[in-house]
Amino acid sequence: MDAAEFERRLVLPETATATRQEFAAVERIDVQGFPTTILRVGQQGYVLARGFQPYEAFSKAVRQALQQAAEEQ
């Protein structure tokens, strides 16, 4: 999306609402740094990585989170 469209969407009330909801969600799961990668399955979030992770570690975290999500359903 171009800069003008980004700016247009940025000031929409629904953008502010969605942003507040995301901030509340990351606060609940104790996100404290960037990058933090979260996999969302339905309403559940799984933290895959805090900070940089090599591909192998990240791939393993994805597989484990997907397995856990499947077991919880």
N, C-alpha and C. Protein backbone atom coordinates (compact mmCIF):
# COMPACT_ATOMS: atom_id res chain seq x y z
N MET A 1 0.85 -1.16 0.00
CA MET A 1 0.00 0.00 0.00
C MET A 1 0.90 1.22 0.00
N ASP A 2 0.44 2.26 -0.66
CA ASP A 2 1.24 3.48 -0.74
C ASP A 2 1.06 4.32 0.53
N ALA A 3 1.88 5.34 0.67
CA ALA A 3 1.88 6.18 1.88
C ALA A 3 0.55 6.87 2.11
N ALA A 4 -0.09 7.34 1.06
CA ALA A 4 -1.37 8.05 1.22
C ALA A 4 -2.44 7.11 1.77
N GLU A 5 -2.48 5.88 1.26
CA GLU A 5 -3.47 4.91 1.76
C GLU A 5 -3.16 4.53 3.20
N PHE A 6 -1.88 4.38 3.52
CA PHE A 6 -1.49 4.09 4.90
C PHE A 6 -1.97 5.19 5.84
N GLU A 7 -1.72 6.43 5.48
CA GLU A 7 -2.15 7.56 6.31
C GLU A 7 -3.67 7.60 6.44
N ARG A 8 -4.39 7.31 5.35
CA ARG A 8 -5.85 7.31 5.40
C ARG A 8 -6.36 6.27 6.39
N ARG A 9 -5.78 5.08 6.33
CA ARG A 9 -6.22 4.01 7.22
C ARG A 9 -5.78 4.25 8.67
N LEU A 10 -4.66 4.89 8.83
CA LEU A 10 -4.11 5.12 10.17
C LEU A 10 -5.05 5.92 11.05
N VAL A 11 -5.78 6.86 10.47
CA VAL A 11 -6.63 7.75 11.28
C VAL A 11 -8.07 7.24 11.43
N LEU A 12 -8.38 6.08 10.88
CA LEU A 12 -9.73 5.54 11.01
C LEU A 12 -9.99 5.09 12.45
N PRO A 13 -11.20 5.30 12.96
CA PRO A 13 -11.52 4.86 14.33
C PRO A 13 -11.29 3.36 14.53
N GLU A 14 -11.60 2.55 13.52
CA GLU A 14 -11.41 1.11 13.69
C GLU A 14 -9.94 0.73 13.79
N THR A 15 -9.06 1.55 13.22
CA THR A 15 -7.63 1.31 13.37
C THR A 15 -7.21 1.56 14.82
N ALA A 16 -7.70 2.62 15.41
CA ALA A 16 -7.39 2.91 16.82
C ALA A 16 -7.90 1.79 17.72
N THR A 17 -9.11 1.30 17.46
CA THR A 17 -9.68 0.22 18.26
C THR A 17 -8.84 -1.05 18.12
N ALA A 18 -8.50 -1.41 16.89
CA ALA A 18 -7.70 -2.62 16.66
C ALA A 18 -6.32 -2.49 17.30
N THR A 19 -5.74 -1.30 17.24
CA THR A 19 -4.43 -1.08 17.84
C THR A 19 -4.48 -1.25 19.35
N ARG A 20 -5.50 -0.67 19.99
CA ARG A 20 -5.65 -0.83 21.44
C ARG A 20 -5.84 -2.30 21.80
N GLN A 21 -6.61 -3.03 21.02
CA GLN A 21 -6.83 -4.46 21.29
C GLN A 21 -5.52 -5.24 21.16
N GLU A 22 -4.74 -4.94 20.16
CA GLU A 22 -3.45 -5.62 19.99
C GLU A 22 -2.50 -5.29 21.13
N PHE A 23 -2.44 -4.02 21.54
CA PHE A 23 -1.58 -3.64 22.66
C PHE A 23 -1.99 -4.38 23.92
N ALA A 24 -3.28 -4.51 24.17
CA ALA A 24 -3.77 -5.23 25.35
C ALA A 24 -3.40 -6.71 25.26
N ALA A 25 -3.52 -7.29 24.07
CA ALA A 25 -3.21 -8.70 23.89
C ALA A 25 -1.73 -8.98 24.14
N VAL A 26 -0.85 -8.16 23.60
CA VAL A 26 0.57 -8.40 23.80
C VAL A 26 0.99 -8.12 25.24
N GLU A 27 0.30 -7.22 25.89
CA GLU A 27 0.59 -6.98 27.31
C GLU A 27 0.22 -8.21 28.14
N ARG A 28 -0.89 -8.85 27.82
CA ARG A 28 -1.33 -10.04 28.56
C ARG A 28 -0.32 -11.18 28.45
N ILE A 29 0.35 -11.29 27.32
CA ILE A 29 1.31 -12.38 27.17
C ILE A 29 2.75 -11.91 27.40
N ASP A 30 2.88 -10.73 27.95
CA ASP A 30 4.17 -10.22 28.44
C ASP A 30 5.20 -10.00 27.33
N VAL A 31 4.76 -9.47 26.20
CA VAL A 31 5.72 -9.09 25.15
C VAL A 31 6.48 -7.87 25.64
N GLN A 32 7.81 -7.97 25.65
CA GLN A 32 8.63 -6.88 26.16
C GLN A 32 9.69 -6.42 25.18
N GLY A 33 9.76 -7.04 24.02
CA GLY A 33 10.80 -6.66 23.09
C GLY A 33 10.42 -6.92 21.65
N PHE A 34 11.29 -6.47 20.77
CA PHE A 34 11.08 -6.62 19.34
C PHE A 34 12.29 -7.34 18.76
N PRO A 35 12.12 -8.26 17.87
CA PRO A 35 10.84 -8.79 17.43
C PRO A 35 10.35 -9.90 18.36
N THR A 36 9.08 -9.95 18.56
CA THR A 36 8.42 -11.07 19.21
C THR A 36 7.45 -11.64 18.18
N THR A 37 7.58 -12.92 17.90
CA THR A 37 6.74 -13.55 16.90
C THR A 37 5.70 -14.41 17.59
N ILE A 38 4.43 -14.17 17.25
CA ILE A 38 3.32 -14.88 17.88
C ILE A 38 2.50 -15.56 16.79
N LEU A 39 2.16 -16.82 17.02
CA LEU A 39 1.27 -17.55 16.13
C LEU A 39 -0.10 -17.55 16.78
N ARG A 40 -1.09 -17.06 16.06
CA ARG A 40 -2.45 -17.05 16.58
C ARG A 40 -3.24 -18.17 15.91
N VAL A 41 -3.81 -19.04 16.74
CA VAL A 41 -4.68 -20.12 16.27
C VAL A 41 -6.01 -19.91 16.96
N GLY A 42 -7.01 -19.49 16.20
CA GLY A 42 -8.28 -19.12 16.81
C GLY A 42 -8.06 -17.93 17.73
N GLN A 43 -8.47 -18.07 18.97
CA GLN A 43 -8.28 -17.00 19.95
C GLN A 43 -7.02 -17.18 20.79
N GLN A 44 -6.29 -18.26 20.57
CA GLN A 44 -5.10 -18.57 21.36
C GLN A 44 -3.85 -18.07 20.65
N GLY A 45 -2.93 -17.50 21.40
CA GLY A 45 -1.66 -17.06 20.85
C GLY A 45 -0.51 -17.87 21.42
N TYR A 46 0.46 -18.19 20.60
CA TYR A 46 1.63 -18.95 21.00
C TYR A 46 2.87 -18.13 20.66
N VAL A 47 3.69 -17.84 21.66
CA VAL A 47 4.92 -17.09 21.42
C VAL A 47 5.93 -18.04 20.79
N LEU A 48 6.36 -17.70 19.59
CA LEU A 48 7.32 -18.53 18.87
C LEU A 48 8.75 -18.09 19.11
N ALA A 49 8.96 -16.79 19.26
CA ALA A 49 10.33 -16.29 19.43
C ALA A 49 10.30 -14.92 20.06
N ARG A 50 11.27 -14.69 20.92
CA ARG A 50 11.53 -13.35 21.47
C ARG A 50 12.94 -12.99 21.01
N GLY A 51 13.01 -12.00 20.17
CA GLY A 51 14.31 -11.66 19.59
C GLY A 51 14.62 -12.55 18.39
N PHE A 52 15.77 -12.30 17.78
CA PHE A 52 16.17 -13.07 16.60
C PHE A 52 16.35 -14.53 16.97
N GLN A 53 15.89 -15.41 16.10
CA GLN A 53 16.10 -16.85 16.24
C GLN A 53 16.58 -17.40 14.91
N PRO A 54 17.53 -18.32 14.92
CA PRO A 54 17.91 -18.97 13.67
C PRO A 54 16.72 -19.76 13.11
N TYR A 55 16.75 -20.01 11.81
CA TYR A 55 15.63 -20.69 11.16
C TYR A 55 15.29 -22.01 11.85
N GLU A 56 16.29 -22.81 12.19
CA GLU A 56 16.03 -24.13 12.78
C GLU A 56 15.25 -24.00 14.08
N ALA A 57 15.63 -23.06 14.93
CA ALA A 57 14.94 -22.86 16.21
C ALA A 57 13.52 -22.35 15.99
N PHE A 58 13.38 -21.44 15.04
CA PHE A 58 12.06 -20.88 14.75
C PHE A 58 11.14 -21.96 14.17
N SER A 59 11.66 -22.76 13.26
CA SER A 59 10.88 -23.83 12.65
C SER A 59 10.42 -24.83 13.71
N LYS A 60 11.30 -25.16 14.63
CA LYS A 60 10.94 -26.08 15.72
C LYS A 60 9.85 -25.48 16.59
N ALA A 61 9.94 -24.21 16.90
CA ALA A 61 8.92 -23.54 17.71
C ALA A 61 7.57 -23.54 17.01
N VAL A 62 7.56 -23.35 15.70
CA VAL A 62 6.31 -23.38 14.94
C VAL A 62 5.69 -24.77 15.03
N ARG A 63 6.48 -25.80 14.80
CA ARG A 63 5.95 -27.18 14.87
C ARG A 63 5.40 -27.49 16.25
N GLN A 64 6.11 -27.09 17.30
CA GLN A 64 5.66 -27.35 18.66
C GLN A 64 4.36 -26.61 18.96
N ALA A 65 4.26 -25.36 18.53
CA ALA A 65 3.04 -24.59 18.78
C ALA A 65 1.86 -25.19 18.04
N LEU A 66 2.06 -25.61 16.80
CA LEU A 66 0.98 -26.23 16.04
C LEU A 66 0.53 -27.54 16.68
N GLN A 67 1.49 -28.32 17.18
CA GLN A 67 1.15 -29.56 17.86
C GLN A 67 0.35 -29.28 19.13
N GLN A 68 0.80 -28.30 19.91
CA GLN A 68 0.09 -27.93 21.13
C GLN A 68 -1.32 -27.44 20.81
N ALA A 69 -1.46 -26.63 19.77
CA ALA A 69 -2.77 -26.13 19.38
C ALA A 69 -3.70 -27.27 18.99
N ALA A 70 -3.17 -28.25 18.26
CA ALA A 70 -3.98 -29.40 17.85
C ALA A 70 -4.42 -30.22 19.05
N GLU A 71 -3.54 -30.36 20.04
CA GLU A 71 -3.88 -31.12 21.25
C GLU A 71 -4.92 -30.42 22.09
N GLU A 72 -4.94 -29.10 22.04
CA GLU A 72 -5.88 -28.33 22.86
C GLU A 72 -7.27 -28.27 22.25
N GLN A 73 -7.40 -28.65 20.98
CA GLN A 73 -8.72 -28.58 20.34
C GLN A 73 -9.49 -29.84 20.46
